[in-house]
């Protein structure tokens, strides 16, 4: 591309490989890599997440920036992290590990 840096992304390794097929040659100084991220949120330990958030929200430096009751906020976040219920078709399922995607604390 005329010596210009080009940054892009794809949705899968297959899409990346398909993109390479239209190239005549890949320059020797090119850096190409691929990674697939799977189950990121469900792999976040809820207890560890709550501990880190609690420590952050209770810091004096954080409390000076915001006007909130940290104990009430921490309790609300704990309820959210431990009470995720999803609906699949006509059944309800409670998530028992990890952090649910799409919720504000995530």
PDB file of N, CA and C in Angstrom:
ATOM      1  N   UNK A   1       0.826  -1.200   0.000  1.00  0.00           N
ATOM      2  CA  UNK A   1       0.000   0.000   0.000  1.00  0.00           C
ATOM      3  C   UNK A   1       0.862   1.251   0.000  1.00  0.00           C
ATOM      4  N   UNK A   2       1.916   1.239  -0.711  1.00  0.00           N
ATOM      5  CA  UNK A   2       2.720   2.437  -0.849  1.00  0.00           C
ATOM      6  C   UNK A   2       3.422   2.871   0.431  1.00  0.00           C
ATOM      7  N   UNK A   3       3.815   1.924   1.275  1.00  0.00           N
ATOM      8  CA  UNK A   3       4.542   2.268   2.490  1.00  0.00           C
ATOM      9  C   UNK A   3       3.674   2.786   3.623  1.00  0.00           C
ATOM     10  N   UNK A   4       2.367   2.763   3.469  1.00  0.00           N
ATOM     11  CA  UNK A   4       1.468   3.243   4.513  1.00  0.00           C
ATOM     12  C   UNK A   4       1.115   2.108   5.460  1.00  0.00           C
ATOM     13  N   UNK A   5       0.942   2.471   6.737  1.00  0.00           N
ATOM     14  CA  UNK A   5       0.446   1.487   7.696  1.00  0.00           C
ATOM     15  C   UNK A   5      -1.050   1.328   7.487  1.00  0.00           C
ATOM     16  N   UNK A   6      -1.496   0.097   7.477  1.00  0.00           N
ATOM     17  CA  UNK A   6      -2.909  -0.181   7.317  1.00  0.00           C
ATOM     18  C   UNK A   6      -3.357  -1.013   8.509  1.00  0.00           C
ATOM     19  N   UNK A   7      -4.323  -0.519   9.246  1.00  0.00           N
ATOM     20  CA  UNK A   7      -4.860  -1.258  10.376  1.00  0.00           C
ATOM     21  C   UNK A   7      -6.283  -1.669  10.036  1.00  0.00           C
ATOM     22  N   UNK A   8      -6.591  -2.920  10.256  1.00  0.00           N
ATOM     23  CA  UNK A   8      -7.930  -3.400   9.973  1.00  0.00           C
ATOM     24  C   UNK A   8      -8.252  -4.543  10.924  1.00  0.00           C
ATOM     25  N   UNK A   9      -9.441  -5.006  10.876  1.00  0.00           N
ATOM     26  CA  UNK A   9      -9.838  -6.149  11.682  1.00  0.00           C
ATOM     27  C   UNK A   9     -10.881  -6.948  10.919  1.00  0.00           C
ATOM     28  N   UNK A  10     -11.030  -8.171  11.324  1.00  0.00           N
ATOM     29  CA  UNK A  10     -12.030  -9.035  10.724  1.00  0.00           C
ATOM     30  C   UNK A  10     -12.820  -9.706  11.828  1.00  0.00           C
ATOM     31  N   UNK A  11     -13.796 -10.452  11.436  1.00  0.00           N
ATOM     32  CA  UNK A  11     -14.628 -11.109  12.436  1.00  0.00           C
ATOM     33  C   UNK A  11     -14.198 -12.548  12.700  1.00  0.00           C
ATOM     34  N   UNK A  12     -13.275 -13.069  11.860  1.00  0.00           N
ATOM     35  CA  UNK A  12     -12.831 -14.454  12.071  1.00  0.00           C
ATOM     36  C   UNK A  12     -11.517 -14.682  11.345  1.00  0.00           C
ATOM     37  N   UNK A  13     -10.830 -15.758  11.726  1.00  0.00           N
ATOM     38  CA  UNK A  13      -9.590 -16.146  11.046  1.00  0.00           C
ATOM     39  C   UNK A  13      -9.882 -16.509   9.595  1.00  0.00           C
ATOM     40  N   UNK A  14     -11.030 -17.107   9.355  1.00  0.00           N
ATOM     41  CA  UNK A  14     -11.417 -17.470   7.981  1.00  0.00           C
ATOM     42  C   UNK A  14     -11.521 -16.230   7.112  1.00  0.00           C
ATOM     43  N   UNK A  15     -12.096 -15.171   7.649  1.00  0.00           N
ATOM     44  CA  UNK A  15     -12.220 -13.919   6.898  1.00  0.00           C
ATOM     45  C   UNK A  15     -10.835 -13.345   6.596  1.00  0.00           C
ATOM     46  N   UNK A  16      -9.921 -13.445   7.551  1.00  0.00           N
ATOM     47  CA  UNK A  16      -8.553 -12.969   7.354  1.00  0.00           C
ATOM     48  C   UNK A  16      -7.874 -13.738   6.229  1.00  0.00           C
ATOM     49  N   UNK A  17      -7.975 -15.058   6.258  1.00  0.00           N
ATOM     50  CA  UNK A  17      -7.367 -15.876   5.213  1.00  0.00           C
ATOM     51  C   UNK A  17      -7.958 -15.574   3.842  1.00  0.00           C
ATOM     52  N   UNK A  18      -9.249 -15.341   3.799  1.00  0.00           N
ATOM     53  CA  UNK A  18      -9.910 -15.008   2.542  1.00  0.00           C
ATOM     54  C   UNK A  18      -9.369 -13.683   2.002  1.00  0.00           C
ATOM     55  N   UNK A  19      -9.099 -12.734   2.898  1.00  0.00           N
ATOM     56  CA  UNK A  19      -8.535 -11.451   2.490  1.00  0.00           C
ATOM     57  C   UNK A  19      -7.143 -11.585   1.909  1.00  0.00           C
ATOM     58  N   UNK A  20      -6.361 -12.544   2.404  1.00  0.00           N
ATOM     59  CA  UNK A  20      -5.008 -12.763   1.888  1.00  0.00           C
ATOM     60  C   UNK A  20      -5.016 -13.287   0.459  1.00  0.00           C
ATOM     61  N   UNK A  21      -6.070 -13.991   0.079  1.00  0.00           N
ATOM     62  CA  UNK A  21      -6.122 -14.583  -1.252  1.00  0.00           C
ATOM     63  C   UNK A  21      -6.095 -13.544  -2.363  1.00  0.00           C
ATOM     64  N   UNK A  22      -6.540 -12.334  -2.089  1.00  0.00           N
ATOM     65  CA  UNK A  22      -6.554 -11.312  -3.138  1.00  0.00           C
ATOM     66  C   UNK A  22      -5.248 -10.516  -3.189  1.00  0.00           C
ATOM     67  N   UNK A  23      -4.310 -10.797  -2.299  1.00  0.00           N
ATOM     68  CA  UNK A  23      -3.020 -10.117  -2.300  1.00  0.00           C
ATOM     69  C   UNK A  23      -2.059 -10.786  -3.268  1.00  0.00           C
ATOM     70  N   UNK A  24      -1.266  -9.974  -3.974  1.00  0.00           N
ATOM     71  CA  UNK A  24      -0.239 -10.553  -4.849  1.00  0.00           C
ATOM     72  C   UNK A  24       0.930 -11.070  -4.021  1.00  0.00           C
ATOM     73  N   UNK A  25       1.349 -10.273  -3.031  1.00  0.00           N
ATOM     74  CA  UNK A  25       2.464 -10.668  -2.178  1.00  0.00           C
ATOM     75  C   UNK A  25       2.339  -9.933  -0.850  1.00  0.00           C
ATOM     76  N   UNK A  26       2.825 -10.560   0.189  1.00  0.00           N
ATOM     77  CA  UNK A  26       2.844  -9.920   1.501  1.00  0.00           C
ATOM     78  C   UNK A  26       4.263  -9.402   1.711  1.00  0.00           C
ATOM     79  N   UNK A  27       4.434  -8.106   1.972  1.00  0.00           N
ATOM     80  CA  UNK A  27       5.787  -7.541   2.146  1.00  0.00           C
ATOM     81  C   UNK A  27       6.548  -8.227   3.277  1.00  0.00           C
ATOM     82  N   UNK A  28       7.864  -8.309   3.143  1.00  0.00           N
ATOM     83  CA  UNK A  28       8.704  -8.951   4.153  1.00  0.00           C
ATOM     84  C   UNK A  28       8.612  -8.266   5.505  1.00  0.00           C
ATOM     85  N   UNK A  29       8.348  -6.963   5.521  1.00  0.00           N
ATOM     86  CA  UNK A  29       8.295  -6.224   6.787  1.00  0.00           C
ATOM     87  C   UNK A  29       6.876  -6.130   7.357  1.00  0.00           C
ATOM     88  N   UNK A  30       5.958  -6.915   6.811  1.00  0.00           N
ATOM     89  CA  UNK A  30       4.575  -6.897   7.290  1.00  0.00           C
ATOM     90  C   UNK A  30       4.467  -7.716   8.575  1.00  0.00           C
ATOM     91  N   UNK A  31       3.621  -7.251   9.470  1.00  0.00           N
ATOM     92  CA  UNK A  31       3.304  -7.996  10.687  1.00  0.00           C
ATOM     93  C   UNK A  31       1.857  -8.433  10.599  1.00  0.00           C
ATOM     94  N   UNK A  32       1.644  -9.727  10.636  1.00  0.00           N
ATOM     95  CA  UNK A  32       0.300 -10.272  10.507  1.00  0.00           C
ATOM     96  C   UNK A  32       0.056 -11.210  11.672  1.00  0.00           C
ATOM     97  N   UNK A  33      -1.074 -11.038  12.333  1.00  0.00           N
ATOM     98  CA  UNK A  33      -1.416 -11.945  13.414  1.00  0.00           C
ATOM     99  C   UNK A  33      -2.926 -12.076  13.486  1.00  0.00           C
ATOM    100  N   UNK A  34      -3.343 -13.110  14.151  1.00  0.00           N
ATOM    101  CA  UNK A  34      -4.765 -13.377  14.324  1.00  0.00           C
ATOM    102  C   UNK A  34      -4.994 -13.933  15.715  1.00  0.00           C
ATOM    103  N   UNK A  35      -6.104 -13.582  16.308  1.00  0.00           N
ATOM    104  CA  UNK A  35      -6.495 -14.193  17.573  1.00  0.00           C
ATOM    105  C   UNK A  35      -8.018 -14.251  17.610  1.00  0.00           C
ATOM    106  N   UNK A  36      -8.511 -15.262  18.250  1.00  0.00           N
ATOM    107  CA  UNK A  36      -9.950 -15.418  18.399  1.00  0.00           C
ATOM    108  C   UNK A  36     -10.283 -15.300  19.874  1.00  0.00           C
ATOM    109  N   UNK A  37     -11.134 -14.359  20.216  1.00  0.00           N
ATOM    110  CA  UNK A  37     -11.564 -14.172  21.598  1.00  0.00           C
ATOM    111  C   UNK A  37     -12.898 -14.873  21.785  1.00  0.00           C
ATOM    112  N   UNK A  38     -12.924 -15.793  22.725  1.00  0.00           N
ATOM    113  CA  UNK A  38     -14.124 -16.574  22.974  1.00  0.00           C
ATOM    114  C   UNK A  38     -14.448 -16.536  24.460  1.00  0.00           C
ATOM    115  N   UNK A  39     -15.688 -16.346  24.782  1.00  0.00           N
ATOM    116  CA  UNK A  39     -16.172 -16.436  26.161  1.00  0.00           C
ATOM    117  C   UNK A  39     -15.442 -15.508  27.125  1.00  0.00           C
ATOM    118  N   UNK A  40     -15.191 -14.282  26.699  1.00  0.00           N
ATOM    119  CA  UNK A  40     -14.441 -13.368  27.558  1.00  0.00           C
ATOM    120  C   UNK A  40     -15.196 -13.057  28.845  1.00  0.00           C
ATOM    121  N   UNK A  41     -16.438 -12.668  28.761  1.00  0.00           N
ATOM    122  CA  UNK A  41     -17.178 -12.272  29.955  1.00  0.00           C
ATOM    123  C   UNK A  41     -17.466 -13.450  30.878  1.00  0.00           C
ATOM    124  N   UNK A  42     -17.799 -14.582  30.308  1.00  0.00           N
ATOM    125  CA  UNK A  42     -18.124 -15.723  31.155  1.00  0.00           C
ATOM    126  C   UNK A  42     -16.893 -16.270  31.868  1.00  0.00           C
ATOM    127  N   UNK A  43     -15.708 -15.851  31.452  1.00  0.00           N
ATOM    128  CA  UNK A  43     -14.478 -16.278  32.116  1.00  0.00           C
ATOM    129  C   UNK A  43     -14.008 -15.289  33.178  1.00  0.00           C
ATOM    130  N   UNK A  44     -14.715 -14.189  33.371  1.00  0.00           N
ATOM    131  CA  UNK A  44     -14.372 -13.243  34.428  1.00  0.00           C
ATOM    132  C   UNK A  44     -14.940 -13.781  35.732  1.00  0.00           C
ATOM    133  N   UNK A  45     -14.094 -13.988  36.699  1.00  0.00           N
ATOM    134  CA  UNK A  45     -14.515 -14.478  37.992  1.00  0.00           C
ATOM    135  C   UNK A  45     -15.319 -13.383  38.700  1.00  0.00           C
ATOM    136  N   UNK A  46     -16.590 -13.641  38.981  1.00  0.00           N
ATOM    137  CA  UNK A  46     -17.474 -12.637  39.584  1.00  0.00           C
ATOM    138  C   UNK A  46     -16.957 -12.156  40.940  1.00  0.00           C
ATOM    139  N   UNK A  47     -16.445 -13.083  41.745  1.00  0.00           N
ATOM    140  CA  UNK A  47     -15.948 -12.709  43.079  1.00  0.00           C
ATOM    141  C   UNK A  47     -14.720 -11.808  42.963  1.00  0.00           C
ATOM    142  N   UNK A  48     -13.804 -12.143  42.066  1.00  0.00           N
ATOM    143  CA  UNK A  48     -12.606 -11.320  41.872  1.00  0.00           C
ATOM    144  C   UNK A  48     -12.988  -9.948  41.317  1.00  0.00           C
ATOM    145  N   UNK A  49     -13.955  -9.932  40.391  1.00  0.00           N
ATOM    146  CA  UNK A  49     -14.438  -8.674  39.818  1.00  0.00           C
ATOM    147  C   UNK A  49     -15.037  -7.790  40.903  1.00  0.00           C
ATOM    148  N   UNK A  50     -15.851  -8.377  41.753  1.00  0.00           N
ATOM    149  CA  UNK A  50     -16.488  -7.626  42.833  1.00  0.00           C
ATOM    150  C   UNK A  50     -15.444  -7.084  43.812  1.00  0.00           C
ATOM    151  N   UNK A  51     -14.429  -7.869  44.093  1.00  0.00           N
ATOM    152  CA  UNK A  51     -13.359  -7.438  44.999  1.00  0.00           C
ATOM    153  C   UNK A  51     -12.616  -6.225  44.428  1.00  0.00           C
ATOM    154  N   UNK A  52     -12.250  -6.287  43.154  1.00  0.00           N
ATOM    155  CA  UNK A  52     -11.538  -5.185  42.513  1.00  0.00           C
ATOM    156  C   UNK A  52     -12.415  -3.935  42.471  1.00  0.00           C
ATOM    157  N   UNK A  53     -13.683  -4.097  42.101  1.00  0.00           N
ATOM    158  CA  UNK A  53     -14.595  -2.951  42.038  1.00  0.00           C
ATOM    159  C   UNK A  53     -14.803  -2.344  43.429  1.00  0.00           C
ATOM    160  N   UNK A  54     -14.913  -3.178  44.457  1.00  0.00           N
ATOM    161  CA  UNK A  54     -15.092  -2.704  45.827  1.00  0.00           C
ATOM    162  C   UNK A  54     -13.890  -1.879  46.259  1.00  0.00           C
ATOM    163  N   UNK A  55     -12.694  -2.408  46.011  1.00  0.00           N
ATOM    164  CA  UNK A  55     -11.475  -1.679  46.375  1.00  0.00           C
ATOM    165  C   UNK A  55     -11.413  -0.330  45.662  1.00  0.00           C
ATOM    166  N   UNK A  56     -11.769  -0.306  44.382  1.00  0.00           N
ATOM    167  CA  UNK A  56     -11.743   0.946  43.620  1.00  0.00           C
ATOM    168  C   UNK A  56     -12.779   1.944  44.138  1.00  0.00           C
ATOM    169  N   UNK A  57     -13.999   1.483  44.341  1.00  0.00           N
ATOM    170  CA  UNK A  57     -15.082   2.388  44.744  1.00  0.00           C
ATOM    171  C   UNK A  57     -14.907   2.924  46.159  1.00  0.00           C
ATOM    172  N   UNK A  58     -14.157   2.213  46.994  1.00  0.00           N
ATOM    173  CA  UNK A  58     -13.962   2.665  48.367  1.00  0.00           C
ATOM    174  C   UNK A  58     -12.699   3.510  48.553  1.00  0.00           C
ATOM    175  N   UNK A  59     -11.898   3.679  47.524  1.00  0.00           N
ATOM    176  CA  UNK A  59     -10.709   4.529  47.617  1.00  0.00           C
ATOM    177  C   UNK A  59     -11.130   5.977  47.865  1.00  0.00           C
ATOM    178  N   UNK A  60     -10.362   6.668  48.677  1.00  0.00           N
ATOM    179  CA  UNK A  60     -10.642   8.084  48.918  1.00  0.00           C
ATOM    180  C   UNK A  60     -10.586   8.892  47.626  1.00  0.00           C
ATOM    181  N   UNK A  61      -9.624   8.585  46.764  1.00  0.00           N
ATOM    182  CA  UNK A  61      -9.493   9.340  45.510  1.00  0.00           C
ATOM    183  C   UNK A  61     -10.715   9.155  44.609  1.00  0.00           C
ATOM    184  N   UNK A  62     -11.302   7.967  44.620  1.00  0.00           N
ATOM    185  CA  UNK A  62     -12.505   7.718  43.815  1.00  0.00           C
ATOM    186  C   UNK A  62     -13.707   8.404  44.447  1.00  0.00           C
ATOM    187  N   UNK A  63     -13.820   8.311  45.757  1.00  0.00           N
ATOM    188  CA  UNK A  63     -14.972   8.901  46.453  1.00  0.00           C
ATOM    189  C   UNK A  63     -15.004  10.418  46.294  1.00  0.00           C
ATOM    190  N   UNK A  64     -13.834  11.046  46.164  1.00  0.00           N
ATOM    191  CA  UNK A  64     -13.779  12.506  45.991  1.00  0.00           C
ATOM    192  C   UNK A  64     -14.298  12.927  44.619  1.00  0.00           C
ATOM    193  N   UNK A  65     -14.202  12.037  43.645  1.00  0.00           N
ATOM    194  CA  UNK A  65     -14.622  12.367  42.278  1.00  0.00           C
ATOM    195  C   UNK A  65     -16.126  12.236  42.070  1.00  0.00           C
ATOM    196  N   UNK A  66     -16.781  11.413  42.894  1.00  0.00           N
ATOM    197  CA  UNK A  66     -18.199  11.123  42.687  1.00  0.00           C
ATOM    198  C   UNK A  66     -18.966  11.309  43.992  1.00  0.00           C
ATOM    199  N   UNK A  67     -20.247  11.595  43.848  1.00  0.00           N
ATOM    200  CA  UNK A  67     -21.101  11.680  45.042  1.00  0.00           C
ATOM    201  C   UNK A  67     -22.045  10.481  45.046  1.00  0.00           C
ATOM    202  N   UNK A  68     -21.679   9.470  45.780  1.00  0.00           N
ATOM    203  CA  UNK A  68     -22.490   8.260  45.876  1.00  0.00           C
ATOM    204  C   UNK A  68     -22.169   7.587  47.196  1.00  0.00           C
ATOM    205  N   UNK A  69     -23.044   6.717  47.603  1.00  0.00           N
ATOM    206  CA  UNK A  69     -22.808   5.896  48.774  1.00  0.00           C
ATOM    207  C   UNK A  69     -22.127   4.618  48.285  1.00  0.00           C
ATOM    208  N   UNK A  70     -20.820   4.454  48.531  1.00  0.00           N
ATOM    209  CA  UNK A  70     -20.119   3.295  47.969  1.00  0.00           C
ATOM    210  C   UNK A  70     -20.681   1.954  48.447  1.00  0.00           C
ATOM    211  N   UNK A  71     -21.131   1.880  49.691  1.00  0.00           N
ATOM    212  CA  UNK A  71     -21.668   0.612  50.188  1.00  0.00           C
ATOM    213  C   UNK A  71     -22.944   0.222  49.448  1.00  0.00           C
ATOM    214  N   UNK A  72     -23.802   1.197  49.173  1.00  0.00           N
ATOM    215  CA  UNK A  72     -25.044   0.917  48.442  1.00  0.00           C
ATOM    216  C   UNK A  72     -24.741   0.516  47.002  1.00  0.00           C
ATOM    217  N   UNK A  73     -23.785   1.207  46.385  1.00  0.00           N
ATOM    218  CA  UNK A  73     -23.429   0.898  45.000  1.00  0.00           C
ATOM    219  C   UNK A  73     -22.808  -0.492  44.907  1.00  0.00           C
ATOM    220  N   UNK A  74     -21.933  -0.825  45.826  1.00  0.00           N
ATOM    221  CA  UNK A  74     -21.299  -2.146  45.845  1.00  0.00           C
ATOM    222  C   UNK A  74     -22.344  -3.235  46.042  1.00  0.00           C
ATOM    223  N   UNK A  75     -23.299  -3.007  46.931  1.00  0.00           N
ATOM    224  CA  UNK A  75     -24.369  -3.987  47.152  1.00  0.00           C
ATOM    225  C   UNK A  75     -25.211  -4.172  45.894  1.00  0.00           C
ATOM    226  N   UNK A  76     -25.505  -3.071  45.191  1.00  0.00           N
ATOM    227  CA  UNK A  76     -26.288  -3.156  43.956  1.00  0.00           C
ATOM    228  C   UNK A  76     -25.523  -3.940  42.887  1.00  0.00           C
ATOM    229  N   UNK A  77     -24.224  -3.669  42.759  1.00  0.00           N
ATOM    230  CA  UNK A  77     -23.405  -4.395  41.779  1.00  0.00           C
ATOM    231  C   UNK A  77     -23.341  -5.873  42.132  1.00  0.00           C
ATOM    232  N   UNK A  78     -23.229  -6.178  43.416  1.00  0.00           N
ATOM    233  CA  UNK A  78     -23.202  -7.574  43.866  1.00  0.00           C
ATOM    234  C   UNK A  78     -24.503  -8.288  43.488  1.00  0.00           C
ATOM    235  N   UNK A  79     -25.627  -7.632  43.678  1.00  0.00           N
ATOM    236  CA  UNK A  79     -26.921  -8.226  43.313  1.00  0.00           C
ATOM    237  C   UNK A  79     -26.955  -8.513  41.817  1.00  0.00           C
ATOM    238  N   UNK A  80     -26.492  -7.555  41.021  1.00  0.00           N
ATOM    239  CA  UNK A  80     -26.502  -7.720  39.563  1.00  0.00           C
ATOM    240  C   UNK A  80     -25.596  -8.875  39.146  1.00  0.00           C
ATOM    241  N   UNK A  81     -24.376  -8.919  39.718  1.00  0.00           N
ATOM    242  CA  UNK A  81     -23.424  -9.968  39.332  1.00  0.00           C
ATOM    243  C   UNK A  81     -23.889 -11.364  39.739  1.00  0.00           C
ATOM    244  N   UNK A  82     -24.661 -11.453  40.805  1.00  0.00           N
ATOM    245  CA  UNK A  82     -25.071 -12.768  41.311  1.00  0.00           C
ATOM    246  C   UNK A  82     -26.489 -13.159  40.913  1.00  0.00           C
ATOM    247  N   UNK A  83     -27.175 -12.316  40.190  1.00  0.00           N
ATOM    248  CA  UNK A  83     -28.590 -12.587  39.901  1.00  0.00           C
ATOM    249  C   UNK A  83     -28.910 -12.519  38.415  1.00  0.00           C
ATOM    250  N   UNK A  84     -28.001 -12.942  37.575  1.00  0.00           N
ATOM    251  CA  UNK A  84     -28.256 -12.877  36.143  1.00  0.00           C
ATOM    252  C   UNK A  84     -29.121 -14.050  35.705  1.00  0.00           C
ATOM    253  N   UNK A  85     -30.278 -13.727  35.158  1.00  0.00           N
ATOM    254  CA  UNK A  85     -31.204 -14.737  34.647  1.00  0.00           C
ATOM    255  C   UNK A  85     -31.428 -14.447  33.169  1.00  0.00           C
ATOM    256  N   UNK A  86     -31.323 -15.486  32.351  1.00  0.00           N
ATOM    257  CA  UNK A  86     -31.506 -15.345  30.905  1.00  0.00           C
ATOM    258  C   UNK A  86     -32.677 -16.215  30.468  1.00  0.00           C
ATOM    259  N   UNK A  87     -33.280 -15.839  29.369  1.00  0.00           N
ATOM    260  CA  UNK A  87     -34.371 -16.640  28.816  1.00  0.00           C
ATOM    261  C   UNK A  87     -33.924 -17.214  27.477  1.00  0.00           C
ATOM    262  N   UNK A  88     -34.012 -18.527  27.352  1.00  0.00           N
ATOM    263  CA  UNK A  88     -33.744 -19.220  26.101  1.00  0.00           C
ATOM    264  C   UNK A  88     -35.024 -19.932  25.693  1.00  0.00           C
ATOM    265  N   UNK A  89     -35.648 -19.435  24.645  1.00  0.00           N
ATOM    266  CA  UNK A  89     -36.927 -20.013  24.232  1.00  0.00           C
ATOM    267  C   UNK A  89     -37.957 -19.820  25.330  1.00  0.00           C
ATOM    268  N   UNK A  90     -38.458 -20.905  25.870  1.00  0.00           N
ATOM    269  CA  UNK A  90     -39.465 -20.794  26.924  1.00  0.00           C
ATOM    270  C   UNK A  90     -38.938 -21.209  28.294  1.00  0.00           C
ATOM    271  N   UNK A  91     -37.597 -21.310  28.440  1.00  0.00           N
ATOM    272  CA  UNK A  91     -37.029 -21.640  29.751  1.00  0.00           C
ATOM    273  C   UNK A  91     -36.162 -20.491  30.268  1.00  0.00           C
ATOM    274  N   UNK A  92     -36.091 -20.361  31.578  1.00  0.00           N
ATOM    275  CA  UNK A  92     -35.243 -19.372  32.225  1.00  0.00           C
ATOM    276  C   UNK A  92     -34.053 -20.087  32.839  1.00  0.00           C
ATOM    277  N   UNK A  93     -32.860 -19.489  32.697  1.00  0.00           N
ATOM    278  CA  UNK A  93     -31.623 -20.084  33.182  1.00  0.00           C
ATOM    279  C   UNK A  93     -30.868 -19.037  33.984  1.00  0.00           C
ATOM    280  N   UNK A  94     -30.358 -19.429  35.147  1.00  0.00           N
ATOM    281  CA  UNK A  94     -29.554 -18.511  35.941  1.00  0.00           C
ATOM    282  C   UNK A  94     -28.081 -18.779  35.658  1.00  0.00           C
ATOM    283  N   UNK A  95     -27.337 -17.715  35.323  1.00  0.00           N
ATOM    284  CA  UNK A  95     -25.895 -17.834  35.120  1.00  0.00           C
ATOM    285  C   UNK A  95     -25.234 -17.919  36.487  1.00  0.00           C
ATOM    286  N   UNK A  96     -24.404 -18.965  36.692  1.00  0.00           N
ATOM    287  CA  UNK A  96     -23.814 -19.162  38.021  1.00  0.00           C
ATOM    288  C   UNK A  96     -22.315 -18.837  38.057  1.00  0.00           C
ATOM    289  N   UNK A  97     -21.724 -18.567  36.920  1.00  0.00           N
ATOM    290  CA  UNK A  97     -20.324 -18.167  36.926  1.00  0.00           C
ATOM    291  C   UNK A  97     -20.094 -17.163  35.802  1.00  0.00           C
ATOM    292  N   UNK A  98     -19.103 -16.301  36.029  1.00  0.00           N
ATOM    293  CA  UNK A  98     -18.783 -15.295  35.028  1.00  0.00           C
ATOM    294  C   UNK A  98     -19.680 -14.084  35.110  1.00  0.00           C
ATOM    295  N   UNK A  99     -19.386 -13.106  34.263  1.00  0.00           N
ATOM    296  CA  UNK A  99     -20.144 -11.860  34.211  1.00  0.00           C
ATOM    297  C   UNK A  99     -20.966 -11.864  32.934  1.00  0.00           C
ATOM    298  N   UNK A 100     -22.216 -11.500  33.047  1.00  0.00           N
ATOM    299  CA  UNK A 100     -23.107 -11.497  31.884  1.00  0.00           C
ATOM    300  C   UNK A 100     -22.754 -10.360  30.937  1.00  0.00           C
ATOM    301  N   UNK A 101     -22.760 -10.661  29.644  1.00  0.00           N
ATOM    302  CA  UNK A 101     -22.539  -9.613  28.644  1.00  0.00           C
ATOM    303  C   UNK A 101     -23.793  -8.745  28.560  1.00  0.00           C
ATOM    304  N   UNK A 102     -23.598  -7.465  28.277  1.00  0.00           N
ATOM    305  CA  UNK A 102     -24.714  -6.592  28.039  1.00  0.00           C
ATOM    306  C   UNK A 102     -25.263  -5.898  29.263  1.00  0.00           C
ATOM    307  N   UNK A 103     -24.757  -6.247  30.469  1.00  0.00           N
ATOM    308  CA  UNK A 103     -25.218  -5.536  31.664  1.00  0.00           C
ATOM    309  C   UNK A 103     -24.265  -4.377  31.915  1.00  0.00           C
ATOM    310  N   UNK A 104     -24.745  -3.302  32.505  1.00  0.00           N
ATOM    311  CA  UNK A 104     -23.934  -2.101  32.705  1.00  0.00           C
ATOM    312  C   UNK A 104     -22.613  -2.356  33.438  1.00  0.00           C
ATOM    313  N   UNK A 105     -22.568  -3.124  34.513  1.00  0.00           N
ATOM    314  CA  UNK A 105     -21.287  -3.344  35.177  1.00  0.00           C
ATOM    315  C   UNK A 105     -20.253  -4.058  34.308  1.00  0.00           C
ATOM    316  N   UNK A 106     -20.715  -4.782  33.289  1.00  0.00           N
ATOM    317  CA  UNK A 106     -19.762  -5.474  32.408  1.00  0.00           C
ATOM    318  C   UNK A 106     -18.952  -4.453  31.652  1.00  0.00           C
TER     319      UNK A 106
END
